[in-house]
């Protein structure tokens, strides 16, 4: 089980790494090109100077004087070196980021831009689980399982985060959506647990956090 959890973690990190991309925005006389860019969370953006004196200001709107209130604030020094990197930034928080060039009247003349960061990373649950949800009821000492399955029989196993088996039960299921209440042999302490649903040759897992 330890090896299985480690494999999931490594694969998730690897997929996130592969998804990261570096995008380029060119800056020139009163423009950013593209002026609007949509990227994935974890991607980086590099602004290149096509000519002139420019910066990348994601802090205070140069026209209104009001904060942009972006998910994260960024601001770069200005440069007049043609072909130079004005600024480079890795976006790790999803949301919409507005920015402008704060040099002179550049922003007032239309030198503004937007970066939209979407959270499209594949999660561990999406990769390995047909569970809809797993919840713990402390009062009744049970775990409520909702899952989709194509078998008439399955087994449910509960592990702690170190991979030690706490409890295993065979259950009767139906093809399609199932709701099952797992009665625990003993109360669970606070921590992170792994619920494993075994059916046929397949195994799906779901993380359970007990607070």
Foldseek 3Di string as FASTA:
>chain_A
DQVVVVVLVVVLVVQLVVQEEEAEWEDEQLEIVVQEEEGEAQYKYWYAYQFDKWAKFQAAQLVPRHGPPWPDGDTFHIDGDHGDTRDMDHGHDFAKTKIATNPDCSVVSRRIGMYGYHHPRDDSCNVFHQWPDWAADQVQQKIKTKGADQDQKKKKWKAAPNGHTQDMDIDGDHHTIDIDIGHHPDHDDFHKMKIWIGDDPGIGIDIYGDD
